[in-house]
Amino acid sequence: MQEKQPLSPSWFVDIRLKFRHLQLLQALSRHNTLQSAAESLGLAQPAASRLLGDLEDVIGIPLFHREGRRLVINAYGSVLTRHANNLLDELDRTRDEFNELLSGGAGTVSIGAIDGPVVDLLTTAVLNIQCDNPNISLEIRTGSSVGLFHDLMNGEIDIMIGRAPEDARSMSCHYIPIGEEPMVIAARQNHPLFMKATPVRLEDMAPFPWVLQRKGGKSRSRLESIFQDRNLPLPKDIIGSDSLLMTLAYLEKTEALTVLSTAVANQQAKYKQIQIISSDVNIAISSYGILMLKSRSQSRPTMKVLDELKKNLRPAMGG
């Protein structure tokens, strides 16, 4: 290997980076052996090995180390692979956007959002977008902020509405703050706790099972900190799930409690799916907002969708 040198501004020209190198890095991110990665590209294993060796030679740094037949990526390989995936995704998006224009559409915009904004703000914005820009195809996905941020960084969504790591706001993303997300504790209709005087104490809720976000989720972490602040042991019976559907189904069949966005809880209570517990617990989690990658050149349809989102999210920005 050559001595390690920083990459120059024209490094990809200097090392004669090939499209096949990008494809191999992407294949290696999806397969844990060189053999299976090579087969996915229609290459013989020796040819893929030479291609990887050529890339490591011109870069001057190993990108993987071997554990038996497995290739384990290192920090250098991780950086190159992540950006190779982004470049190839952008080429796919170019194709899709171009073909969308050929077919008379304006393009596709993917939005990822945590559950709370979906109920009121995002739904209203989507209705307006469909009315004013019917040629824009919209794809909506929901999930936890952690999962959605991963999707944003990987180029799987264009716009995210949720929370991101603090450093991401300044380093990798444009961030438009919206406000705090109020939360409530909820259970099925006719839960035993509704027979108690209100507000219900946390001590009375602790013995029941809970269905919460997976470990590390903001609302779960906030509830756990409240238990700790009151010197109460954490509930022993906790199911971790980021699925709203799973949460609602579990509540219906058990005496479990959960923490939901106030907007989601009010919607579900309206249809008698759940009932909100009046408690002595005040749960509000950190501010969320609109995030977009600084490194991506946004399409005109994406900017139109962003303008509509900002217009409809404005009422929440002061809250």
C-alpha atoms as a PDB file:
ATOM      1  CA  MET A   1       0.000   0.000   0.000  1.00  0.00           C
ATOM      2  CA  GLN A   2       1.083   3.587  -0.620  1.00  0.00           C
ATOM      3  CA  GLU A   3       1.709   6.010   2.263  1.00  0.00           C
ATOM      4  CA  LYS A   4      -1.556   7.533   3.522  1.00  0.00           C
ATOM      5  CA  GLN A   5      -2.220  10.878   1.862  1.00  0.00           C
ATOM      6  CA  PRO A   6      -5.217  13.228   2.145  1.00  0.00           C
ATOM      7  CA  LEU A   7      -7.529  13.255  -0.849  1.00  0.00           C
ATOM      8  CA  SER A   8      -7.041  16.206  -3.184  1.00  0.00           C
ATOM      9  CA  PRO A   9      -9.923  18.308  -4.607  1.00  0.00           C
ATOM     10  CA  SER A  10      -9.694  16.300  -7.837  1.00  0.00           C
ATOM     11  CA  TRP A  11      -9.035  12.962  -6.111  1.00  0.00           C
ATOM     12  CA  PHE A  12     -11.688  11.043  -8.049  1.00  0.00           C
ATOM     13  CA  VAL A  13     -10.024  12.096 -11.332  1.00  0.00           C
ATOM     14  CA  ASP A  14      -6.534  11.453 -10.040  1.00  0.00           C
ATOM     15  CA  ILE A  15      -7.325   7.888  -8.999  1.00  0.00           C
ATOM     16  CA  ARG A  16      -9.531   7.251 -12.043  1.00  0.00           C
ATOM     17  CA  LEU A  17     -12.532   6.345  -9.919  1.00  0.00           C
ATOM     18  CA  LYS A  18     -14.830   4.110 -11.956  1.00  0.00           C
ATOM     19  CA  PHE A  19     -18.565   3.624 -11.888  1.00  0.00           C
ATOM     20  CA  ARG A  20     -17.857  -0.064 -11.239  1.00  0.00           C
ATOM     21  CA  HIS A  21     -15.999   0.892  -8.049  1.00  0.00           C
ATOM     22  CA  LEU A  22     -19.143   2.615  -6.771  1.00  0.00           C
ATOM     23  CA  GLN A  23     -21.264  -0.394  -7.651  1.00  0.00           C
ATOM     24  CA  LEU A  24     -18.875  -2.750  -5.872  1.00  0.00           C
ATOM     25  CA  LEU A  25     -18.904  -0.627  -2.707  1.00  0.00           C
ATOM     26  CA  GLN A  26     -22.686  -0.606  -2.768  1.00  0.00           C
ATOM     27  CA  ALA A  27     -22.809  -4.374  -3.285  1.00  0.00           C
ATOM     28  CA  LEU A  28     -20.385  -4.917  -0.408  1.00  0.00           C
ATOM     29  CA  SER A  29     -22.639  -2.841   1.850  1.00  0.00           C
ATOM     30  CA  ARG A  30     -25.472  -5.261   1.101  1.00  0.00           C
ATOM     31  CA  HIS A  31     -23.568  -8.552   1.186  1.00  0.00           C
ATOM     32  CA  ASN A  32     -21.092  -9.756   3.787  1.00  0.00           C
ATOM     33  CA  THR A  33     -18.842 -11.758   1.459  1.00  0.00           C
ATOM     34  CA  LEU A  34     -16.992 -10.753  -1.671  1.00  0.00           C
ATOM     35  CA  GLN A  35     -18.392 -13.818  -3.443  1.00  0.00           C
ATOM     36  CA  SER A  36     -22.023 -12.820  -2.898  1.00  0.00           C
ATOM     37  CA  ALA A  37     -21.289  -9.168  -3.736  1.00  0.00           C
ATOM     38  CA  ALA A  38     -19.602 -10.251  -6.972  1.00  0.00           C
ATOM     39  CA  GLU A  39     -22.529 -12.495  -7.901  1.00  0.00           C
ATOM     40  CA  SER A  40     -24.977  -9.616  -7.399  1.00  0.00           C
ATOM     41  CA  LEU A  41     -23.020  -7.623  -9.979  1.00  0.00           C
ATOM     42  CA  GLY A  42     -22.614 -10.498 -12.393  1.00  0.00           C
ATOM     43  CA  LEU A  43     -18.877 -10.638 -11.769  1.00  0.00           C
ATOM     44  CA  ALA A  44     -16.589 -13.535 -11.040  1.00  0.00           C
ATOM     45  CA  GLN A  45     -15.141 -13.431  -7.529  1.00  0.00           C
ATOM     46  CA  PRO A  46     -11.527 -12.946  -8.758  1.00  0.00           C
ATOM     47  CA  ALA A  47     -12.626  -9.970 -10.891  1.00  0.00           C
ATOM     48  CA  ALA A  48     -14.377  -8.350  -7.923  1.00  0.00           C
ATOM     49  CA  SER A  49     -11.307  -8.990  -5.755  1.00  0.00           C
ATOM     50  CA  ARG A  50      -9.075  -7.267  -8.326  1.00  0.00           C
ATOM     51  CA  LEU A  51     -11.506  -4.345  -8.551  1.00  0.00           C
ATOM     52  CA  LEU A  52     -11.469  -3.885  -4.784  1.00  0.00           C
ATOM     53  CA  GLY A  53      -7.688  -4.256  -4.679  1.00  0.00           C
ATOM     54  CA  ASP A  54      -7.300  -1.631  -7.413  1.00  0.00           C
ATOM     55  CA  LEU A  55      -9.480   0.794  -5.441  1.00  0.00           C
ATOM     56  CA  GLU A  56      -7.574   0.247  -2.196  1.00  0.00           C
ATOM     57  CA  ASP A  57      -4.250   0.633  -4.021  1.00  0.00           C
ATOM     58  CA  VAL A  58      -5.161   3.961  -5.599  1.00  0.00           C
ATOM     59  CA  ILE A  59      -6.766   5.253  -2.406  1.00  0.00           C
ATOM     60  CA  GLY A  60      -3.726   4.108  -0.476  1.00  0.00           C
ATOM     61  CA  ILE A  61      -5.710   2.845   2.518  1.00  0.00           C
ATOM     62  CA  PRO A  62      -7.397  -0.512   3.215  1.00  0.00           C
ATOM     63  CA  LEU A  63     -11.173  -0.201   3.231  1.00  0.00           C
ATOM     64  CA  PHE A  64     -12.045  -3.629   4.654  1.00  0.00           C
ATOM     65  CA  HIS A  65     -10.440  -6.320   6.765  1.00  0.00           C
ATOM     66  CA  ARG A  66     -11.171  -9.997   6.447  1.00  0.00           C
ATOM     67  CA  GLU A  67     -12.670 -12.276   9.073  1.00  0.00           C
ATOM     68  CA  GLY A  68     -12.657 -15.649   7.394  1.00  0.00           C
ATOM     69  CA  ARG A  69     -14.794 -15.278   4.266  1.00  0.00           C
ATOM     70  CA  ARG A  70     -16.454 -12.112   5.580  1.00  0.00           C
ATOM     71  CA  LEU A  71     -15.336  -8.600   4.667  1.00  0.00           C
ATOM     72  CA  VAL A  72     -15.693  -6.160   7.572  1.00  0.00           C
ATOM     73  CA  ILE A  73     -15.756  -2.502   6.619  1.00  0.00           C
ATOM     74  CA  ASN A  74     -13.521  -0.002   8.435  1.00  0.00           C
ATOM     75  CA  ALA A  75     -14.017   3.736   8.987  1.00  0.00           C
ATOM     76  CA  TYR A  76     -12.456   4.694   5.630  1.00  0.00           C
ATOM     77  CA  GLY A  77     -14.524   2.178   3.739  1.00  0.00           C
ATOM     78  CA  SER A  78     -17.637   3.313   5.574  1.00  0.00           C
ATOM     79  CA  VAL A  79     -17.182   6.900   4.368  1.00  0.00           C
ATOM     80  CA  LEU A  80     -16.601   5.886   0.750  1.00  0.00           C
ATOM     81  CA  THR A  81     -19.445   3.365   0.791  1.00  0.00           C
ATOM     82  CA  ARG A  82     -21.960   5.815   2.251  1.00  0.00           C
ATOM     83  CA  HIS A  83     -21.203   8.382  -0.421  1.00  0.00           C
ATOM     84  CA  ALA A  84     -21.093   5.750  -3.169  1.00  0.00           C
ATOM     85  CA  ASN A  85     -24.611   4.723  -2.145  1.00  0.00           C
ATOM     86  CA  ASN A  86     -25.708   8.361  -2.195  1.00  0.00           C
ATOM     87  CA  LEU A  87     -24.226   8.925  -5.655  1.00  0.00           C
ATOM     88  CA  LEU A  88     -25.902   5.845  -7.089  1.00  0.00           C
ATOM     89  CA  ASP A  89     -29.188   6.781  -5.394  1.00  0.00           C
ATOM     90  CA  GLU A  90     -28.958  10.237  -6.962  1.00  0.00           C
ATOM     91  CA  LEU A  91     -28.495   8.651 -10.390  1.00  0.00           C
ATOM     92  CA  ASP A  92     -31.591   6.527  -9.776  1.00  0.00           C
ATOM     93  CA  ARG A  93     -33.488   9.619  -8.677  1.00  0.00           C
ATOM     94  CA  THR A  94     -32.305  11.431 -11.822  1.00  0.00           C
ATOM     95  CA  ARG A  95     -33.732   8.633 -13.939  1.00  0.00           C
ATOM     96  CA  ASP A  96     -37.023   8.615 -12.064  1.00  0.00           C
ATOM     97  CA  GLU A  97     -37.406  12.403 -12.179  1.00  0.00           C
ATOM     98  CA  PHE A  98     -36.545  12.508 -15.884  1.00  0.00           C
ATOM     99  CA  ASN A  99     -39.003   9.738 -16.711  1.00  0.00           C
ATOM    100  CA  GLU A 100     -41.644  11.432 -14.574  1.00  0.00           C
ATOM    101  CA  LEU A 101     -41.298  14.562 -16.696  1.00  0.00           C
ATOM    102  CA  LEU A 102     -41.511  12.510 -19.889  1.00  0.00           C
ATOM    103  CA  SER A 103     -44.778  10.995 -18.676  1.00  0.00           C
ATOM    104  CA  GLY A 104     -46.302  14.391 -17.885  1.00  0.00           C
ATOM    105  CA  GLY A 105     -45.629  14.462 -14.145  1.00  0.00           C
ATOM    106  CA  ALA A 106     -43.618  17.011 -12.204  1.00  0.00           C
ATOM    107  CA  GLY A 107     -41.558  14.612 -10.104  1.00  0.00           C
ATOM    108  CA  THR A 108     -41.720  12.628  -6.885  1.00  0.00           C
ATOM    109  CA  VAL A 109     -41.039  13.983  -3.400  1.00  0.00           C
ATOM    110  CA  SER A 110     -40.550  11.692  -0.410  1.00  0.00           C
ATOM    111  CA  ILE A 111     -41.449  12.946   3.058  1.00  0.00           C
ATOM    112  CA  GLY A 112     -40.712  11.190   6.346  1.00  0.00           C
ATOM    113  CA  ALA A 113     -42.431  12.321   9.529  1.00  0.00           C
ATOM    114  CA  ILE A 114     -42.882  11.320  13.143  1.00  0.00           C
ATOM    115  CA  ASP A 115     -46.485  10.476  14.016  1.00  0.00           C
ATOM    116  CA  GLY A 116     -47.513  13.714  15.741  1.00  0.00           C
ATOM    117  CA  PRO A 117     -47.173  16.134  12.785  1.00  0.00           C
ATOM    118  CA  VAL A 118     -48.788  13.623  10.434  1.00  0.00           C
ATOM    119  CA  VAL A 119     -52.191  13.948  12.092  1.00  0.00           C
ATOM    120  CA  ASP A 120     -52.753  17.663  11.650  1.00  0.00           C
ATOM    121  CA  LEU A 121     -49.985  19.591   9.966  1.00  0.00           C
ATOM    122  CA  LEU A 122     -48.632  17.213   7.341  1.00  0.00           C
ATOM    123  CA  THR A 123     -52.052  15.978   6.254  1.00  0.00           C
ATOM    124  CA  THR A 124     -53.236  19.550   5.656  1.00  0.00           C
ATOM    125  CA  ALA A 125     -50.079  20.385   3.714  1.00  0.00           C
ATOM    126  CA  VAL A 126     -50.424  17.280   1.546  1.00  0.00           C
ATOM    127  CA  LEU A 127     -54.026  18.133   0.696  1.00  0.00           C
ATOM    128  CA  ASN A 128     -52.957  21.615  -0.406  1.00  0.00           C
ATOM    129  CA  ILE A 129     -50.042  20.258  -2.435  1.00  0.00           C
ATOM    130  CA  GLN A 130     -52.339  17.832  -4.246  1.00  0.00           C
ATOM    131  CA  CYS A 131     -54.754  20.662  -5.003  1.00  0.00           C
ATOM    132  CA  ASP A 132     -52.183  23.207  -6.204  1.00  0.00           C
ATOM    133  CA  ASN A 133     -49.605  20.839  -7.733  1.00  0.00           C
ATOM    134  CA  PRO A 134     -51.458  17.687  -8.843  1.00  0.00           C
ATOM    135  CA  ASN A 135     -48.523  16.548 -11.012  1.00  0.00           C
ATOM    136  CA  ILE A 136     -46.222  16.119  -8.005  1.00  0.00           C
ATOM    137  CA  SER A 137     -46.201  12.552  -6.727  1.00  0.00           C
ATOM    138  CA  LEU A 138     -45.875  12.327  -2.953  1.00  0.00           C
ATOM    139  CA  GLU A 139     -44.509   9.426  -0.932  1.00  0.00           C
ATOM    140  CA  ILE A 140     -45.072   9.563   2.830  1.00  0.00           C
ATOM    141  CA  ARG A 141     -43.446   7.363   5.433  1.00  0.00           C
ATOM    142  CA  THR A 142     -43.636   7.508   9.204  1.00  0.00           C
ATOM    143  CA  GLY A 143     -41.382   6.235  11.947  1.00  0.00           C
ATOM    144  CA  SER A 144     -39.106   7.252  14.772  1.00  0.00           C
ATOM    145  CA  SER A 145     -36.789  10.239  14.410  1.00  0.00           C
ATOM    146  CA  VAL A 146     -33.795   7.898  14.577  1.00  0.00           C
ATOM    147  CA  GLY A 147     -35.043   5.780  11.683  1.00  0.00           C
ATOM    148  CA  LEU A 148     -36.145   8.739   9.600  1.00  0.00           C
ATOM    149  CA  PHE A 149     -32.832  10.534  10.068  1.00  0.00           C
ATOM    150  CA  HIS A 150     -31.074   7.406   8.828  1.00  0.00           C
ATOM    151  CA  ASP A 151     -33.357   7.432   5.772  1.00  0.00           C
ATOM    152  CA  LEU A 152     -32.606  11.117   5.166  1.00  0.00           C
ATOM    153  CA  MET A 153     -28.851  10.590   5.367  1.00  0.00           C
ATOM    154  CA  ASN A 154     -29.113   7.624   2.996  1.00  0.00           C
ATOM    155  CA  GLY A 155     -31.108   9.612   0.449  1.00  0.00           C
ATOM    156  CA  GLU A 156     -34.276   7.571   0.861  1.00  0.00           C
ATOM    157  CA  ILE A 157     -36.379  10.628   1.724  1.00  0.00           C
ATOM    158  CA  ASP A 158     -36.113  14.256   0.610  1.00  0.00           C
ATOM    159  CA  ILE A 159     -37.687  15.979   3.596  1.00  0.00           C
ATOM    160  CA  MET A 160     -37.857  14.880   7.221  1.00  0.00           C
ATOM    161  CA  ILE A 161     -40.157  16.211   9.923  1.00  0.00           C
ATOM    162  CA  GLY A 162     -38.804  15.102  13.271  1.00  0.00           C
ATOM    163  CA  ARG A 163     -35.827  15.383  15.595  1.00  0.00           C
ATOM    164  CA  ALA A 164     -32.180  14.962  14.711  1.00  0.00           C
ATOM    165  CA  PRO A 165     -28.901  14.873  16.606  1.00  0.00           C
ATOM    166  CA  GLU A 166     -27.889  18.373  17.672  1.00  0.00           C
ATOM    167  CA  ASP A 167     -24.745  18.418  15.542  1.00  0.00           C
ATOM    168  CA  ALA A 168     -26.720  17.355  12.452  1.00  0.00           C
ATOM    169  CA  ARG A 169     -28.671  20.612  12.497  1.00  0.00           C
ATOM    170  CA  SER A 170     -25.560  22.705  11.930  1.00  0.00           C
ATOM    171  CA  MET A 171     -23.244  20.294  10.157  1.00  0.00           C
ATOM    172  CA  SER A 172     -25.241  18.274   7.651  1.00  0.00           C
ATOM    173  CA  CYS A 173     -28.805  19.598   7.553  1.00  0.00           C
ATOM    174  CA  HIS A 174     -30.854  22.681   6.995  1.00  0.00           C
ATOM    175  CA  TYR A 175     -33.165  22.851  10.008  1.00  0.00           C
ATOM    176  CA  ILE A 176     -36.424  24.782  10.385  1.00  0.00           C
ATOM    177  CA  PRO A 177     -37.715  24.536  13.973  1.00  0.00           C
ATOM    178  CA  ILE A 178     -41.408  23.889  14.582  1.00  0.00           C
ATOM    179  CA  GLY A 179     -41.822  23.478  18.334  1.00  0.00           C
ATOM    180  CA  GLU A 180     -42.013  21.027  21.200  1.00  0.00           C
ATOM    181  CA  GLU A 181     -44.123  17.913  20.833  1.00  0.00           C
ATOM    182  CA  PRO A 182     -46.576  17.552  23.746  1.00  0.00           C
ATOM    183  CA  MET A 183     -47.177  13.961  24.875  1.00  0.00           C
ATOM    184  CA  VAL A 184     -49.810  12.189  26.963  1.00  0.00           C
ATOM    185  CA  ILE A 185     -50.226   8.815  28.639  1.00  0.00           C
ATOM    186  CA  ALA A 186     -53.018   6.668  27.206  1.00  0.00           C
ATOM    187  CA  ALA A 187     -54.672   3.279  27.586  1.00  0.00           C
ATOM    188  CA  ARG A 188     -57.618   1.327  26.209  1.00  0.00           C
ATOM    189  CA  GLN A 189     -61.173   2.293  26.998  1.00  0.00           C
ATOM    190  CA  ASN A 190     -62.401   1.053  30.427  1.00  0.00           C
ATOM    191  CA  HIS A 191     -58.875   0.613  31.769  1.00  0.00           C
ATOM    192  CA  PRO A 192     -58.831   0.040  35.571  1.00  0.00           C
ATOM    193  CA  LEU A 193     -56.974   3.330  36.107  1.00  0.00           C
ATOM    194  CA  PHE A 194     -60.026   5.264  34.955  1.00  0.00           C
ATOM    195  CA  MET A 195     -61.778   4.103  38.115  1.00  0.00           C
ATOM    196  CA  LYS A 196     -59.265   6.038  40.245  1.00  0.00           C
ATOM    197  CA  ALA A 197     -59.476   9.669  41.237  1.00  0.00           C
ATOM    198  CA  THR A 198     -57.773  12.057  38.847  1.00  0.00           C
ATOM    199  CA  PRO A 199     -55.104  13.038  38.287  1.00  0.00           C
ATOM    200  CA  VAL A 200     -53.668   9.515  38.342  1.00  0.00           C
ATOM    201  CA  ARG A 201     -50.307   9.302  40.108  1.00  0.00           C
ATOM    202  CA  LEU A 202     -47.255   7.832  38.433  1.00  0.00           C
ATOM    203  CA  GLU A 203     -46.956   5.438  41.371  1.00  0.00           C
ATOM    204  CA  ASP A 204     -50.357   3.992  40.423  1.00  0.00           C
ATOM    205  CA  MET A 205     -49.313   3.541  36.799  1.00  0.00           C
ATOM    206  CA  ALA A 206     -45.940   1.916  37.478  1.00  0.00           C
ATOM    207  CA  PRO A 207     -47.224  -1.664  38.138  1.00  0.00           C
ATOM    208  CA  PHE A 208     -48.998  -1.901  34.775  1.00  0.00           C
ATOM    209  CA  PRO A 209     -47.321  -3.129  31.577  1.00  0.00           C
ATOM    210  CA  TRP A 210     -46.189  -0.495  29.104  1.00  0.00           C
ATOM    211  CA  VAL A 211     -45.654  -0.358  25.344  1.00  0.00           C
ATOM    212  CA  LEU A 212     -43.127   2.351  24.532  1.00  0.00           C
ATOM    213  CA  GLN A 213     -40.657   3.384  21.878  1.00  0.00           C
ATOM    214  CA  ARG A 214     -37.590   1.231  21.568  1.00  0.00           C
ATOM    215  CA  LYS A 215     -34.699   2.059  23.906  1.00  0.00           C
ATOM    216  CA  GLY A 216     -33.202   5.434  23.096  1.00  0.00           C
ATOM    217  CA  GLY A 217     -36.449   6.925  21.799  1.00  0.00           C
ATOM    218  CA  LYS A 218     -37.133  10.442  23.045  1.00  0.00           C
ATOM    219  CA  SER A 219     -40.522   9.821  24.660  1.00  0.00           C
ATOM    220  CA  ARG A 220     -39.307   6.622  26.346  1.00  0.00           C
ATOM    221  CA  SER A 221     -36.180   8.331  27.640  1.00  0.00           C
ATOM    222  CA  ARG A 222     -38.249  11.221  28.969  1.00  0.00           C
ATOM    223  CA  LEU A 223     -40.615   8.879  30.835  1.00  0.00           C
ATOM    224  CA  GLU A 224     -37.702   6.912  32.265  1.00  0.00           C
ATOM    225  CA  SER A 225     -36.127  10.134  33.539  1.00  0.00           C
ATOM    226  CA  ILE A 226     -39.408  11.054  35.279  1.00  0.00           C
ATOM    227  CA  PHE A 227     -39.441   7.679  37.052  1.00  0.00           C
ATOM    228  CA  GLN A 228     -35.859   8.253  38.148  1.00  0.00           C
ATOM    229  CA  ASP A 229     -36.554  11.813  39.311  1.00  0.00           C
ATOM    230  CA  ARG A 230     -39.306  10.462  41.563  1.00  0.00           C
ATOM    231  CA  ASN A 231     -37.121   7.642  42.846  1.00  0.00           C
ATOM    232  CA  LEU A 232     -39.450   5.021  41.386  1.00  0.00           C
ATOM    233  CA  PRO A 233     -38.218   1.776  39.808  1.00  0.00           C
ATOM    234  CA  LEU A 234     -38.818   1.496  36.086  1.00  0.00           C
ATOM    235  CA  PRO A 235     -41.753  -0.740  35.094  1.00  0.00           C
ATOM    236  CA  LYS A 236     -40.636  -4.342  34.723  1.00  0.00           C
ATOM    237  CA  ASP A 237     -42.947  -5.193  31.836  1.00  0.00           C
ATOM    238  CA  ILE A 238     -42.093  -2.996  28.834  1.00  0.00           C
ATOM    239  CA  ILE A 239     -42.603  -3.829  25.168  1.00  0.00           C
ATOM    240  CA  GLY A 240     -40.480  -1.712  22.828  1.00  0.00           C
ATOM    241  CA  SER A 241     -42.021  -0.765  19.485  1.00  0.00           C
ATOM    242  CA  ASP A 242     -41.945   2.244  17.158  1.00  0.00           C
ATOM    243  CA  SER A 243     -45.065   1.000  15.363  1.00  0.00           C
ATOM    244  CA  LEU A 244     -48.231   2.960  16.120  1.00  0.00           C
ATOM    245  CA  LEU A 245     -50.332   0.089  14.757  1.00  0.00           C
ATOM    246  CA  MET A 246     -48.617  -2.402  17.070  1.00  0.00           C
ATOM    247  CA  THR A 247     -49.042  -0.033  20.010  1.00  0.00           C
ATOM    248  CA  LEU A 248     -52.775   0.438  19.441  1.00  0.00           C
ATOM    249  CA  ALA A 249     -53.368  -3.282  18.932  1.00  0.00           C
ATOM    250  CA  TYR A 250     -51.437  -4.124  22.105  1.00  0.00           C
ATOM    251  CA  LEU A 251     -53.362  -1.564  24.144  1.00  0.00           C
ATOM    252  CA  GLU A 252     -56.654  -3.002  22.936  1.00  0.00           C
ATOM    253  CA  LYS A 253     -55.801  -6.518  24.147  1.00  0.00           C
ATOM    254  CA  THR A 254     -54.063  -5.669  27.441  1.00  0.00           C
ATOM    255  CA  GLU A 255     -54.035  -3.285  30.380  1.00  0.00           C
ATOM    256  CA  ALA A 256     -50.839  -1.701  29.068  1.00  0.00           C
ATOM    257  CA  LEU A 257     -50.140   2.020  29.065  1.00  0.00           C
ATOM    258  CA  THR A 258     -48.297   4.044  26.459  1.00  0.00           C
ATOM    259  CA  VAL A 259     -46.971   7.511  25.706  1.00  0.00           C
ATOM    260  CA  LEU A 260     -48.353   9.120  22.551  1.00  0.00           C
ATOM    261  CA  SER A 261     -48.126  12.448  20.821  1.00  0.00           C
ATOM    262  CA  THR A 262     -51.082  14.566  21.953  1.00  0.00           C
ATOM    263  CA  ALA A 263     -52.239  14.999  18.347  1.00  0.00           C
ATOM    264  CA  VAL A 264     -52.210  11.242  17.718  1.00  0.00           C
ATOM    265  CA  ALA A 265     -53.864  10.496  21.060  1.00  0.00           C
ATOM    266  CA  ASN A 266     -56.667  13.005  20.444  1.00  0.00           C
ATOM    267  CA  GLN A 267     -57.354  11.505  17.018  1.00  0.00           C
ATOM    268  CA  GLN A 268     -57.467   7.951  18.338  1.00  0.00           C
ATOM    269  CA  ALA A 269     -59.580   8.968  21.336  1.00  0.00           C
ATOM    270  CA  LYS A 270     -62.089  10.586  18.984  1.00  0.00           C
ATOM    271  CA  TYR A 271     -62.677   7.180  17.414  1.00  0.00           C
ATOM    272  CA  LYS A 272     -62.639   5.496  20.849  1.00  0.00           C
ATOM    273  CA  GLN A 273     -59.493   3.506  20.082  1.00  0.00           C
ATOM    274  CA  ILE A 274     -57.922   4.740  23.308  1.00  0.00           C
ATOM    275  CA  GLN A 275     -58.565   7.027  26.253  1.00  0.00           C
ATOM    276  CA  ILE A 276     -56.190   9.676  27.558  1.00  0.00           C
ATOM    277  CA  ILE A 277     -55.234   9.359  31.214  1.00  0.00           C
ATOM    278  CA  SER A 278     -55.359  12.535  33.259  1.00  0.00           C
ATOM    279  CA  SER A 279     -52.165  12.189  35.278  1.00  0.00           C
ATOM    280  CA  ASP A 280     -49.668  14.092  37.393  1.00  0.00           C
ATOM    281  CA  VAL A 281     -47.000  13.507  34.748  1.00  0.00           C
ATOM    282  CA  ASN A 282     -46.016  16.326  32.405  1.00  0.00           C
ATOM    283  CA  ILE A 283     -44.353  14.914  29.315  1.00  0.00           C
ATOM    284  CA  ALA A 284     -43.052  17.185  26.598  1.00  0.00           C
ATOM    285  CA  ILE A 285     -40.077  16.174  24.491  1.00  0.00           C
ATOM    286  CA  SER A 286     -37.498  18.186  22.631  1.00  0.00           C
ATOM    287  CA  SER A 287     -38.338  20.409  19.723  1.00  0.00           C
ATOM    288  CA  TYR A 288     -38.733  18.947  16.275  1.00  0.00           C
ATOM    289  CA  GLY A 289     -38.578  20.555  12.866  1.00  0.00           C
ATOM    290  CA  ILE A 290     -38.055  20.193   9.126  1.00  0.00           C
ATOM    291  CA  LEU A 291     -34.712  18.759   8.034  1.00  0.00           C
ATOM    292  CA  MET A 292     -33.117  18.605   4.599  1.00  0.00           C
ATOM    293  CA  LEU A 293     -29.589  17.648   3.608  1.00  0.00           C
ATOM    294  CA  LYS A 294     -27.254  20.519   2.783  1.00  0.00           C
ATOM    295  CA  SER A 295     -25.299  18.303   0.416  1.00  0.00           C
ATOM    296  CA  ARG A 296     -28.214  17.606  -1.903  1.00  0.00           C
ATOM    297  CA  SER A 297     -29.352  19.875  -4.711  1.00  0.00           C
ATOM    298  CA  GLN A 298     -33.115  19.923  -4.271  1.00  0.00           C
ATOM    299  CA  SER A 299     -35.489  19.578  -7.207  1.00  0.00           C
ATOM    300  CA  ARG A 300     -38.124  22.193  -8.001  1.00  0.00           C
ATOM    301  CA  PRO A 301     -40.951  19.894  -6.842  1.00  0.00           C
ATOM    302  CA  THR A 302     -39.142  19.368  -3.524  1.00  0.00           C
ATOM    303  CA  MET A 303     -38.836  23.124  -3.013  1.00  0.00           C
ATOM    304  CA  LYS A 304     -42.540  23.590  -3.802  1.00  0.00           C
ATOM    305  CA  VAL A 305     -43.417  20.958  -1.226  1.00  0.00           C
ATOM    306  CA  LEU A 306     -41.096  22.622   1.295  1.00  0.00           C
ATOM    307  CA  ASP A 307     -42.798  25.993   0.731  1.00  0.00           C
ATOM    308  CA  GLU A 308     -46.199  24.427   1.358  1.00  0.00           C
ATOM    309  CA  LEU A 309     -44.976  22.644   4.463  1.00  0.00           C
ATOM    310  CA  LYS A 310     -43.555  25.851   5.915  1.00  0.00           C
ATOM    311  CA  LYS A 311     -46.818  27.644   5.191  1.00  0.00           C
ATOM    312  CA  ASN A 312     -48.884  24.999   6.982  1.00  0.00           C
ATOM    313  CA  LEU A 313     -46.429  24.418   9.803  1.00  0.00           C
ATOM    314  CA  ARG A 314     -46.253  28.120  10.661  1.00  0.00           C
ATOM    315  CA  PRO A 315     -49.013  27.958  13.296  1.00  0.00           C
ATOM    316  CA  ALA A 316     -46.906  25.493  15.306  1.00  0.00           C
ATOM    317  CA  MET A 317     -43.671  27.432  15.103  1.00  0.00           C
ATOM    318  CA  GLY A 318     -44.529  29.723  17.921  1.00  0.00           C
ATOM    319  CA  GLY A 319     -45.752  26.905  20.205  1.00  0.00           C
END
